[in-house]
Amino acid sequence: MPSSLRRGVLTALLLSLAGCHVAPRIPLSEPRPRIPANWPTQTKVVRPAANTAPRTSATRLYWHQFYRNTELQSLIRSALRNNRDMRLAVLHVQEARAAHSLQVSDGFPSMAMGGSFARSHVPGDLNITRRPQTSGNHEVSVGLNSWELDFWGRVRNLNEAALYNYLATEAGQQATQTSLIHQVARNYLALRGLDTRIDLAKKSIASREESLRIFKRRVEVGSASRYALAQAQTLLHQAQVMGSQLEQQRSIQANALELLTGVPAPMPASIDLALAIQDLPEGLPADLIVNRPDITSAEYALKASQANVEAARAAFLPRITLIGRTGTASEQFSGLFKSGSSAWQFVPSISVPIFDNGALRANLDVQAVRQNIAVAQYEKQIETALREVHDALASRTLLNEQVDVLQRQYDSLMERRRLAGLRFDSGASPYFDVLDAERELLTAEQQLAQGREHAVSAQVDLYAALGGGAPRISRTPFARKAAPTSTLPQHSP
């Protein structure tokens, strides 16, 4: 090794050692999410009577297995294909992937080939010979552009940060997909719930129109009073107003579903909502960390922030870069490739930060604060997921209990309506009793239909809260570390 090169390498090492004490390590937060061992025992499962499918873990059910209704499956596929939010999420993933590839390329040397030609003329009064001179220079070379020797892991940590940002964005796209599927399912169930309620309202309107026709005939023959006729008209108008309101709600719901899916909303139809989905148990709380893509995204964002902290620390240390080129040079073009025309250049350089007015320290502080923010966001995401599961479990249990009560109430009011009709026909009670029974029966009928829709929607909420509907993620749970293993020299006390 030439003595000049040895001196250069020795100087680089001495400067590197001299800079070891300026790479401070600052305290970073460590995630400590509060995860219970089990779900609350009071949220017992009340299975819909119409659904006898075997119980399967939410995370083992793909969305087309959980949503068994073929019409709903078709709408979900349309949403995944047409939804603008989904399209933006895919584009963000592509952007993050390209940014990662760009960052990775910085860790490898780049080569370039070039050529040059120069002619110069020097007047005689600027020349020792006092004669004007004209000279030329032809050169062809292959060169190594500036390449940083990553002794302290700065470039490696930047690569890791870019990789984790890409993975976080990809997990974010999966979270968008899960949310979109959940929204489509909720809107579809609400739409079909309204269809059932509209159908019930139409049947009530038809029944009351027939009752009004009969009362008009009774008034004509003198067997009923006009007061009873007015009461029959009131019943009809009540049902007609309710039907109009439900039609308005369906129109709004259909527009919302069309915006999500990009296709026209399905035509009105009444279906058994309980048969549209699969039944499922709640699983274990720890499953959320592995299966919910929004938690995965927050985890990768945290790892990216840790890598950025290490890269900011490495910026305090000397940066060594290499520049070199080899080729051929000659005064004449014809001599470029002749023997003895080879030329080369090797330029190692060392940059040691001495004074930057606190910029490096400020950058390190910024990255450390961002890491602490990422820890807080990660913990918050887990706590939010736990709350969503708790809410869905409670809603599933209580709403199924409410449906049972509403069913018993509806059966009682049906019997009351029958008895009131018999009493009126026999003259034992006024038509007001029939009117009151009809009014309460219509309300109970609507409440029962709405309660059934809400109970099924609670199952959908639980499926989404448990991470169901997301692509399956193959990875290990998050290892709780304050930062990646560092190759940086530690701060001297």
Protein backbone atom coordinates (compact mmCIF):
# COMPACT_ATOMS: atom_id res chain seq x y z
CA MET A 1 0.00 0.00 0.00
CA PRO A 2 1.49 3.40 -0.92
CA SER A 3 2.60 5.49 2.06
CA SER A 4 0.22 8.31 1.13
CA LEU A 5 -2.74 5.92 1.19
CA ARG A 6 -1.67 4.46 4.52
CA ARG A 7 -1.43 7.94 5.98
CA GLY A 8 -4.92 8.71 4.70
CA VAL A 9 -6.42 5.59 6.25
CA LEU A 10 -4.63 6.25 9.56
CA THR A 11 -5.87 9.81 9.59
CA ALA A 12 -9.46 8.61 8.97
CA LEU A 13 -9.26 6.18 11.86
CA LEU A 14 -7.83 8.78 14.23
CA LEU A 15 -10.50 11.27 13.31
CA SER A 16 -13.19 8.63 13.71
CA LEU A 17 -11.98 7.73 17.18
CA ALA A 18 -11.76 11.38 18.07
CA GLY A 19 -15.40 11.81 17.10
CA CYS A 20 -16.70 8.87 19.09
CA HIS A 21 -17.64 10.97 22.10
CA VAL A 22 -19.96 13.23 20.09
CA ALA A 23 -22.62 10.58 19.29
CA PRO A 24 -25.00 11.06 22.23
CA ARG A 25 -27.54 8.48 23.27
CA ILE A 26 -30.75 9.96 24.58
CA PRO A 27 -33.52 8.15 26.48
CA LEU A 28 -36.33 6.80 24.30
CA SER A 29 -39.79 5.56 25.22
CA GLU A 30 -40.62 1.87 25.22
CA PRO A 31 -44.14 0.68 24.29
CA ARG A 32 -46.04 -0.85 27.18
CA PRO A 33 -49.60 -1.48 25.96
CA ARG A 34 -52.09 -2.72 28.54
CA ILE A 35 -53.45 -5.96 27.11
CA PRO A 36 -55.82 -8.07 29.25
CA ALA A 37 -55.46 -11.83 29.31
CA ASN A 38 -59.13 -12.41 28.45
CA TRP A 39 -62.20 -10.52 27.37
CA PRO A 40 -64.75 -9.53 30.03
CA THR A 41 -66.77 -12.55 31.12
CA GLN A 42 -70.04 -10.63 31.19
CA THR A 43 -70.05 -10.35 27.39
CA LYS A 44 -71.47 -13.81 26.84
CA VAL A 45 -72.29 -14.91 23.33
CA VAL A 46 -75.93 -15.06 22.30
CA ARG A 47 -76.12 -16.88 19.00
CA PRO A 48 -78.85 -16.07 16.50
CA ALA A 49 -81.31 -18.96 16.34
CA ALA A 50 -81.29 -18.98 12.54
CA ASN A 51 -77.52 -19.39 12.30
CA THR A 52 -76.21 -22.86 13.11
CA ALA A 53 -72.82 -22.57 11.38
CA PRO A 54 -69.75 -23.85 13.23
CA ARG A 55 -67.86 -21.21 15.22
CA THR A 56 -64.56 -20.15 13.69
CA SER A 57 -61.95 -17.61 14.78
CA ALA A 58 -62.45 -14.20 13.16
CA THR A 59 -58.89 -14.02 11.86
CA ARG A 60 -59.24 -17.39 10.14
CA LEU A 61 -62.27 -16.28 8.18
CA TYR A 62 -61.68 -14.44 4.93
CA TRP A 63 -64.28 -11.81 4.25
CA HIS A 64 -66.00 -13.92 1.57
CA GLN A 65 -66.34 -16.71 4.16
CA PHE A 66 -67.78 -14.47 6.86
CA TYR A 67 -70.14 -12.58 4.53
CA ARG A 68 -72.09 -15.48 3.05
CA ASN A 69 -74.62 -13.45 1.09
CA THR A 70 -73.58 -13.54 -2.59
CA GLU A 71 -75.04 -10.09 -3.31
CA LEU A 72 -73.00 -8.59 -0.49
CA GLN A 73 -69.87 -10.39 -1.71
CA SER A 74 -70.37 -8.88 -5.15
CA LEU A 75 -70.71 -5.38 -3.67
CA ILE A 76 -67.52 -5.82 -1.64
CA ARG A 77 -65.59 -6.90 -4.73
CA SER A 78 -66.89 -3.85 -6.58
CA ALA A 79 -65.81 -1.60 -3.71
CA LEU A 80 -62.31 -3.09 -3.63
CA ARG A 81 -62.08 -2.48 -7.36
CA ASN A 82 -63.70 0.97 -7.65
CA ASN A 83 -63.42 2.80 -4.33
CA ARG A 84 -61.30 5.97 -4.48
CA ASP A 85 -59.93 5.64 -0.96
CA MET A 86 -58.75 2.13 -1.82
CA ARG A 87 -57.12 3.42 -4.98
CA LEU A 88 -55.30 6.14 -3.04
CA ALA A 89 -54.09 3.59 -0.49
CA VAL A 90 -52.64 1.42 -3.27
CA LEU A 91 -50.89 4.44 -4.78
CA HIS A 92 -49.40 5.37 -1.41
CA VAL A 93 -47.99 1.84 -1.15
CA GLN A 94 -46.43 2.19 -4.59
CA GLU A 95 -44.95 5.53 -3.57
CA ALA A 96 -43.47 4.07 -0.38
CA ARG A 97 -42.03 1.11 -2.29
CA ALA A 98 -40.34 3.45 -4.78
CA ALA A 99 -38.99 5.61 -1.93
CA HIS A 100 -37.53 2.50 -0.30
CA SER A 101 -35.87 1.44 -3.56
CA LEU A 102 -34.43 4.94 -3.93
CA GLN A 103 -33.00 4.86 -0.41
CA VAL A 104 -31.52 1.38 -0.87
CA SER A 105 -29.70 2.53 -3.99
CA ASP A 106 -27.81 5.10 -1.90
CA GLY A 107 -26.06 2.28 -0.06
CA PHE A 108 -24.36 0.95 -3.19
CA PRO A 109 -21.62 2.58 -5.26
CA SER A 110 -22.68 4.05 -8.56
CA MET A 111 -20.55 3.94 -11.68
CA ALA A 112 -20.55 6.35 -14.57
CA MET A 113 -18.77 6.46 -17.90
CA GLY A 114 -17.78 9.72 -19.46
CA GLY A 115 -15.57 11.42 -21.97
CA SER A 116 -14.21 14.92 -22.39
CA PHE A 117 -12.40 17.04 -24.91
CA ALA A 118 -10.74 20.35 -24.14
CA ARG A 119 -8.67 22.83 -26.14
CA SER A 120 -6.87 25.80 -24.62
CA HIS A 121 -4.73 28.65 -25.95
CA VAL A 122 -2.20 30.57 -23.82
CA PRO A 123 -0.75 33.86 -25.17
CA GLY A 124 3.02 34.34 -25.24
CA ASP A 125 3.18 36.97 -22.49
CA LEU A 126 1.71 34.41 -20.09
CA ASN A 127 4.16 31.68 -21.07
CA ILE A 128 7.75 31.18 -19.98
CA THR A 129 8.79 30.56 -23.57
CA ARG A 130 7.16 33.84 -24.57
CA ARG A 131 5.46 31.96 -27.36
CA PRO A 132 1.75 31.34 -27.67
CA GLN A 133 0.75 27.72 -27.06
CA THR A 134 -2.31 25.75 -28.04
CA SER A 135 -2.95 22.42 -26.32
CA GLY A 136 -5.67 19.80 -26.20
CA ASN A 137 -6.85 17.07 -23.88
CA HIS A 138 -8.91 13.99 -24.75
CA GLU A 139 -10.13 11.67 -22.02
CA VAL A 140 -12.37 8.63 -21.67
CA SER A 141 -12.97 7.16 -18.19
CA VAL A 142 -15.14 4.96 -16.02
CA GLY A 143 -15.63 6.47 -12.59
CA LEU A 144 -16.88 5.64 -9.12
CA ASN A 145 -19.15 8.41 -7.96
CA SER A 146 -19.21 9.57 -4.36
CA TRP A 147 -19.78 6.47 -2.19
CA GLU A 148 -20.09 6.68 1.57
CA LEU A 149 -18.40 3.97 3.65
CA ASP A 150 -21.15 3.19 6.14
CA PHE A 151 -18.97 2.56 9.22
CA TRP A 152 -21.55 3.80 11.73
CA GLY A 153 -24.75 2.47 10.15
CA ARG A 154 -26.19 5.82 9.05
CA VAL A 155 -27.10 4.59 5.57
CA ARG A 156 -28.20 1.20 6.90
CA ASN A 157 -30.57 2.80 9.40
CA LEU A 158 -31.97 5.09 6.72
CA ASN A 159 -32.61 1.98 4.61
CA GLU A 160 -34.36 0.33 7.54
CA ALA A 161 -36.47 3.43 8.12
CA ALA A 162 -37.52 3.47 4.46
CA LEU A 163 -38.32 -0.25 4.60
CA TYR A 164 -40.45 0.10 7.74
CA ASN A 165 -42.22 3.13 6.27
CA TYR A 166 -43.07 1.02 3.23
CA LEU A 167 -44.32 -1.83 5.42
CA ALA A 168 -46.34 0.62 7.52
CA THR A 169 -47.93 2.04 4.37
CA GLU A 170 -48.69 -1.46 3.10
CA ALA A 171 -50.31 -2.38 6.41
CA GLY A 172 -52.20 0.92 6.22
CA GLN A 173 -53.57 -0.15 2.85
CA GLN A 174 -54.74 -3.40 4.43
CA ALA A 175 -56.40 -1.40 7.21
CA THR A 176 -58.15 0.69 4.56
CA GLN A 177 -59.38 -2.51 2.92
CA THR A 178 -60.69 -3.82 6.24
CA SER A 179 -62.46 -0.55 6.95
CA LEU A 180 -63.95 -0.43 3.45
CA ILE A 181 -65.31 -3.98 3.70
CA HIS A 182 -66.78 -3.12 7.09
CA GLN A 183 -68.45 0.02 5.73
CA VAL A 184 -69.91 -1.80 2.73
CA ALA A 185 -71.31 -4.54 4.95
CA ARG A 186 -72.82 -2.09 7.44
CA ASN A 187 -74.41 -0.03 4.68
CA TYR A 188 -75.75 -3.12 2.94
CA LEU A 189 -77.29 -4.46 6.14
CA ALA A 190 -78.82 -1.05 6.84
CA LEU A 191 -80.22 -0.96 3.31
CA ARG A 192 -81.74 -4.43 3.58
CA GLY A 193 -83.04 -3.60 7.05
CA LEU A 194 -84.84 -0.61 5.58
CA ASP A 195 -86.21 -2.81 2.80
CA THR A 196 -87.73 -5.12 5.43
CA ARG A 197 -89.21 -2.20 7.33
CA ILE A 198 -90.59 -0.66 4.12
CA ASP A 199 -92.17 -3.98 3.23
CA LEU A 200 -93.82 -4.15 6.66
CA ALA A 201 -95.02 -0.56 6.29
CA LYS A 202 -96.50 -1.34 2.86
CA LYS A 203 -98.38 -4.32 4.27
CA SER A 204 -99.69 -2.14 7.08
CA ILE A 205 -100.78 0.53 4.59
CA ALA A 206 -102.58 -2.05 2.47
CA SER A 207 -104.32 -3.47 5.55
CA ARG A 208 -105.41 -0.03 6.75
CA GLU A 209 -106.60 0.97 3.30
CA GLU A 210 -108.85 -2.07 3.38
CA SER A 211 -110.05 -1.16 6.87
CA LEU A 212 -110.81 2.38 5.70
CA ARG A 213 -112.80 1.02 2.74
CA ILE A 214 -114.84 -1.14 5.09
CA PHE A 215 -115.51 1.77 7.46
CA LYS A 216 -116.59 3.99 4.60
CA ARG A 217 -119.11 1.34 3.64
CA ARG A 218 -120.27 1.05 7.27
CA VAL A 219 -120.78 4.81 7.48
CA GLU A 220 -122.81 4.71 4.28
CA VAL A 221 -125.16 2.06 5.70
CA GLY A 222 -125.22 3.73 9.13
CA SER A 223 -123.49 0.95 11.10
CA ALA A 224 -120.44 3.08 12.04
CA SER A 225 -119.88 6.70 13.05
CA ARG A 226 -117.85 9.28 11.22
CA TYR A 227 -115.64 9.50 14.32
CA ALA A 228 -114.61 5.87 13.82
CA LEU A 229 -114.01 6.65 10.14
CA ALA A 230 -111.69 9.52 11.10
CA GLN A 231 -109.81 7.17 13.41
CA ALA A 232 -109.35 4.67 10.56
CA GLN A 233 -108.08 7.51 8.34
CA THR A 234 -105.61 8.50 11.09
CA LEU A 235 -104.23 4.96 11.19
CA LEU A 236 -103.73 4.98 7.42
CA HIS A 237 -102.04 8.39 7.40
CA GLN A 238 -99.71 7.29 10.20
CA ALA A 239 -98.58 4.26 8.18
CA GLN A 240 -98.24 6.33 4.98
CA VAL A 241 -96.03 8.92 6.71
CA MET A 242 -93.83 6.17 8.14
CA GLY A 243 -93.56 4.53 4.71
CA SER A 244 -92.53 7.83 3.11
CA GLN A 245 -89.90 8.45 5.78
CA LEU A 246 -88.48 4.95 5.32
CA GLU A 247 -88.33 5.44 1.54
CA GLN A 248 -86.37 8.65 2.08
CA GLN A 249 -83.94 6.86 4.41
CA ARG A 250 -83.47 4.09 1.86
CA SER A 251 -82.66 6.57 -0.88
CA ILE A 252 -79.95 8.16 1.28
CA GLN A 253 -78.62 4.74 2.29
CA ALA A 254 -78.53 3.58 -1.34
CA ASN A 255 -76.54 6.68 -2.35
CA ALA A 256 -74.01 6.00 0.42
CA LEU A 257 -73.60 2.38 -0.68
CA GLU A 258 -73.23 3.42 -4.31
CA LEU A 259 -70.48 5.89 -3.37
CA LEU A 260 -68.59 3.13 -1.55
CA THR A 261 -68.90 0.49 -4.25
CA GLY A 262 -68.99 2.49 -7.47
CA VAL A 263 -71.99 0.48 -8.74
CA PRO A 264 -75.75 1.05 -8.44
CA ALA A 265 -77.32 -0.05 -5.18
CA PRO A 266 -79.32 -3.29 -5.34
CA MET A 267 -83.06 -3.19 -5.89
CA PRO A 268 -85.39 -3.50 -2.89
CA ALA A 269 -85.64 -6.98 -1.40
CA SER A 270 -86.28 -8.53 2.00
CA ILE A 271 -83.75 -11.10 3.26
CA ASP A 272 -82.99 -12.90 6.50
CA LEU A 273 -80.05 -10.82 7.76
CA ALA A 274 -79.01 -13.46 10.29
CA LEU A 275 -78.20 -15.84 7.42
CA ALA A 276 -76.05 -13.25 5.61
CA ILE A 277 -73.05 -13.64 7.93
CA GLN A 278 -71.10 -16.30 9.77
CA ASP A 279 -71.13 -16.60 13.55
CA LEU A 280 -67.82 -16.21 15.34
CA PRO A 281 -66.26 -16.24 18.82
CA GLU A 282 -64.21 -13.37 20.16
CA GLY A 283 -60.79 -15.04 20.35
CA LEU A 284 -58.05 -13.70 22.65
CA PRO A 285 -56.96 -10.07 23.21
CA ALA A 286 -53.35 -10.82 22.23
CA ASP A 287 -54.57 -11.84 18.77
CA LEU A 288 -55.24 -8.19 17.98
CA ILE A 289 -51.53 -7.30 17.93
CA VAL A 290 -50.84 -9.93 15.31
CA ASN A 291 -53.93 -9.59 13.15
CA ARG A 292 -55.16 -5.98 13.07
CA PRO A 293 -53.44 -4.17 10.18
CA ASP A 294 -53.80 -0.72 11.78
CA ILE A 295 -51.79 -1.96 14.79
CA THR A 296 -49.26 -3.52 12.42
CA SER A 297 -48.95 -0.19 10.61
CA ALA A 298 -48.35 1.65 13.90
CA GLU A 299 -45.73 -0.93 14.87
CA TYR A 300 -43.80 -0.51 11.64
CA ALA A 301 -44.02 3.27 11.96
CA LEU A 302 -42.48 2.92 15.42
CA LYS A 303 -39.63 0.82 14.07
CA ALA A 304 -39.04 3.38 11.32
CA SER A 305 -38.80 6.16 13.92
CA GLN A 306 -36.27 4.13 15.91
CA ALA A 307 -34.12 3.66 12.80
CA ASN A 308 -34.29 7.40 12.10
CA VAL A 309 -33.00 8.10 15.62
CA GLU A 310 -29.99 5.86 15.01
CA ALA A 311 -29.33 7.55 11.65
CA ALA A 312 -29.46 10.96 13.36
CA ARG A 313 -26.92 9.76 15.94
CA ALA A 314 -24.62 8.48 13.21
CA ALA A 315 -24.61 11.95 11.62
CA PHE A 316 -22.43 13.15 14.54
CA LEU A 317 -19.55 10.89 13.43
CA PRO A 318 -17.06 11.32 10.61
CA ARG A 319 -18.35 10.58 7.14
CA ILE A 320 -15.88 8.91 4.75
CA THR A 321 -16.61 8.90 1.03
CA LEU A 322 -14.70 7.52 -1.94
CA ILE A 323 -14.42 8.98 -5.42
CA GLY A 324 -12.35 7.35 -8.15
CA ARG A 325 -12.03 6.91 -11.86
CA THR A 326 -9.85 5.11 -14.38
CA GLY A 327 -9.52 5.44 -18.11
CA THR A 328 -7.28 6.78 -20.82
CA ALA A 329 -6.12 10.30 -21.68
CA SER A 330 -4.08 11.86 -24.44
CA GLU A 331 -3.38 15.20 -25.99
CA GLN A 332 -4.46 13.83 -29.34
CA PHE A 333 -7.58 11.80 -30.01
CA SER A 334 -5.53 9.24 -31.91
CA GLY A 335 -3.45 8.53 -28.83
CA LEU A 336 -6.31 7.75 -26.47
CA PHE A 337 -5.93 3.98 -26.59
CA LYS A 338 -2.18 3.71 -27.18
CA SER A 339 0.21 2.17 -24.71
CA GLY A 340 1.04 4.47 -21.82
CA SER A 341 -2.15 6.54 -22.08
CA SER A 342 -3.86 5.07 -19.00
CA ALA A 343 -4.94 7.50 -16.31
CA TRP A 344 -6.60 7.07 -12.90
CA GLN A 345 -7.66 9.10 -9.94
CA PHE A 346 -8.59 8.04 -6.36
CA VAL A 347 -9.99 10.70 -3.99
CA PRO A 348 -11.06 9.53 -0.53
CA SER A 349 -12.52 12.29 1.60
CA ILE A 350 -13.35 12.64 5.28
CA SER A 351 -15.93 15.05 6.66
CA VAL A 352 -15.90 15.63 10.42
CA PRO A 353 -18.66 17.81 11.92
CA ILE A 354 -17.11 20.50 14.09
CA PHE A 355 -19.59 23.34 14.31
CA ASP A 356 -23.09 23.38 12.84
CA ASN A 357 -24.86 25.79 15.17
CA GLY A 358 -26.71 22.90 16.84
CA ALA A 359 -28.31 21.50 13.67
CA LEU A 360 -27.23 17.91 14.31
CA ARG A 361 -28.43 17.97 17.90
CA ALA A 362 -31.71 19.55 16.88
CA ASN A 363 -32.24 16.86 14.24
CA LEU A 364 -31.55 14.15 16.83
CA ASP A 365 -34.03 15.75 19.23
CA VAL A 366 -36.65 15.91 16.50
CA GLN A 367 -36.20 12.22 15.65
CA ALA A 368 -36.32 11.28 19.34
CA VAL A 369 -39.57 13.18 19.86
CA ARG A 370 -41.04 11.53 16.77
CA GLN A 371 -40.05 8.15 18.20
CA ASN A 372 -41.84 8.97 21.45
CA ILE A 373 -44.87 10.08 19.43
CA ALA A 374 -44.79 6.78 17.51
CA VAL A 375 -44.72 4.88 20.82
CA ALA A 376 -47.76 6.81 22.06
CA GLN A 377 -49.60 6.23 18.78
CA TYR A 378 -48.80 2.52 18.90
CA GLU A 379 -50.13 2.22 22.45
CA LYS A 380 -53.19 4.30 21.57
CA GLN A 381 -53.93 2.11 18.55
CA ILE A 382 -53.91 -1.00 20.71
CA GLU A 383 -56.11 0.61 23.36
CA THR A 384 -58.51 1.81 20.64
CA ALA A 385 -58.70 -1.70 19.22
CA LEU A 386 -59.42 -3.16 22.65
CA ARG A 387 -62.19 -0.61 23.24
CA GLU A 388 -63.75 -1.39 19.85
CA VAL A 389 -63.80 -5.12 20.66
CA HIS A 390 -65.26 -4.45 24.13
CA ASP A 391 -67.97 -2.26 22.60
CA ALA A 392 -68.78 -4.83 19.90
CA LEU A 393 -68.93 -7.68 22.42
CA ALA A 394 -71.25 -5.73 24.70
CA SER A 395 -73.42 -4.64 21.77
CA ARG A 396 -73.66 -8.19 20.42
CA THR A 397 -74.82 -9.57 23.76
CA LEU A 398 -77.22 -6.79 24.69
CA LEU A 399 -78.71 -6.35 21.23
CA ASN A 400 -79.50 -10.05 20.97
CA GLU A 401 -81.19 -9.81 24.36
CA GLN A 402 -83.13 -6.77 23.13
CA VAL A 403 -84.29 -8.70 20.07
CA ASP A 404 -85.65 -11.43 22.33
CA VAL A 405 -87.57 -8.84 24.37
CA LEU A 406 -88.81 -7.07 21.23
CA GLN A 407 -90.04 -10.39 19.83
CA ARG A 408 -92.02 -11.11 23.00
CA GLN A 409 -93.41 -7.56 22.93
CA TYR A 410 -94.45 -7.97 19.30
CA ASP A 411 -96.19 -11.30 20.04
CA SER A 412 -98.08 -9.71 22.95
CA LEU A 413 -99.20 -6.76 20.84
CA MET A 414 -100.32 -9.08 18.06
CA GLU A 415 -102.56 -10.88 20.54
CA ARG A 416 -103.80 -7.57 21.91
CA ARG A 417 -104.66 -6.41 18.39
CA ARG A 418 -106.58 -9.61 17.72
CA LEU A 419 -108.56 -9.34 20.97
CA ALA A 420 -109.27 -5.63 20.43
CA GLY A 421 -110.68 -6.43 17.00
CA LEU A 422 -112.92 -9.14 18.42
CA ARG A 423 -114.15 -6.85 21.20
CA PHE A 424 -114.91 -4.07 18.70
CA ASP A 425 -116.75 -6.42 16.34
CA SER A 426 -118.89 -7.64 19.26
CA GLY A 427 -119.54 -4.07 20.44
CA ALA A 428 -117.75 -4.59 23.77
CA SER A 429 -115.21 -1.78 23.21
CA PRO A 430 -114.86 1.35 21.05
CA TYR A 431 -112.71 1.52 17.93
CA PHE A 432 -110.22 3.62 19.89
CA ASP A 433 -108.92 0.38 21.47
CA VAL A 434 -108.29 -1.05 18.02
CA LEU A 435 -106.62 2.20 16.94
CA ASP A 436 -104.30 2.18 19.93
CA ALA A 437 -103.42 -1.49 19.45
CA GLU A 438 -102.71 -0.95 15.73
CA ARG A 439 -100.48 2.05 16.45
CA GLU A 440 -98.40 0.21 19.06
CA LEU A 441 -98.18 -2.92 16.90
CA LEU A 442 -96.79 -0.95 13.96
CA THR A 443 -94.16 0.65 16.20
CA ALA A 444 -93.21 -2.71 17.75
CA GLU A 445 -93.00 -4.30 14.31
CA GLN A 446 -90.60 -1.62 13.12
CA GLN A 447 -88.53 -1.83 16.32
CA LEU A 448 -88.19 -5.60 15.98
CA ALA A 449 -86.98 -5.34 12.38
CA GLN A 450 -84.55 -2.58 13.31
CA GLY A 451 -83.33 -4.53 16.35
CA ARG A 452 -82.56 -7.58 14.23
CA GLU A 453 -80.57 -5.45 11.81
CA HIS A 454 -78.59 -3.86 14.65
CA ALA A 455 -77.86 -7.29 16.18
CA VAL A 456 -76.40 -8.56 12.91
CA SER A 457 -74.46 -5.31 12.49
CA ALA A 458 -72.91 -5.87 15.92
CA GLN A 459 -71.54 -9.18 14.63
CA VAL A 460 -70.06 -7.30 11.67
CA ASP A 461 -68.51 -4.73 14.03
CA LEU A 462 -66.97 -7.50 16.12
CA TYR A 463 -65.55 -9.21 13.04
CA ALA A 464 -63.87 -5.98 11.92
CA ALA A 465 -62.67 -5.09 15.45
CA LEU A 466 -60.98 -8.48 15.78
CA GLY A 467 -59.04 -7.93 12.57
CA GLY A 468 -61.29 -10.02 10.36
CA GLY A 469 -61.36 -9.18 6.67
CA ALA A 470 -57.70 -8.17 6.46
CA PRO A 471 -55.16 -10.13 4.42
CA ARG A 472 -53.38 -12.59 6.66
CA ILE A 473 -50.09 -11.24 8.01
CA SER A 474 -47.14 -13.59 8.46
CA ARG A 475 -44.87 -12.06 11.07
CA THR A 476 -43.89 -12.35 14.70
CA PRO A 477 -45.35 -10.12 17.41
CA PHE A 478 -43.57 -6.86 18.15
CA ALA A 479 -40.38 -7.28 20.17
CA ARG A 480 -40.35 -4.53 22.76
CA LYS A 481 -37.07 -2.70 22.26
CA ALA A 482 -36.28 0.94 22.66
CA ALA A 483 -34.19 1.00 19.50
CA PRO A 484 -32.51 -1.35 17.01
CA THR A 485 -29.10 -2.76 17.86
CA SER A 486 -26.65 0.07 17.23
CA THR A 487 -23.11 -0.05 15.89
CA LEU A 488 -22.44 3.49 17.07
CA PRO A 489 -19.87 4.25 19.78
CA GLN A 490 -21.56 5.15 23.04
CA HIS A 491 -21.59 8.60 24.59
CA SER A 492 -18.68 9.14 26.94
CA PRO A 493 -19.70 10.06 30.49
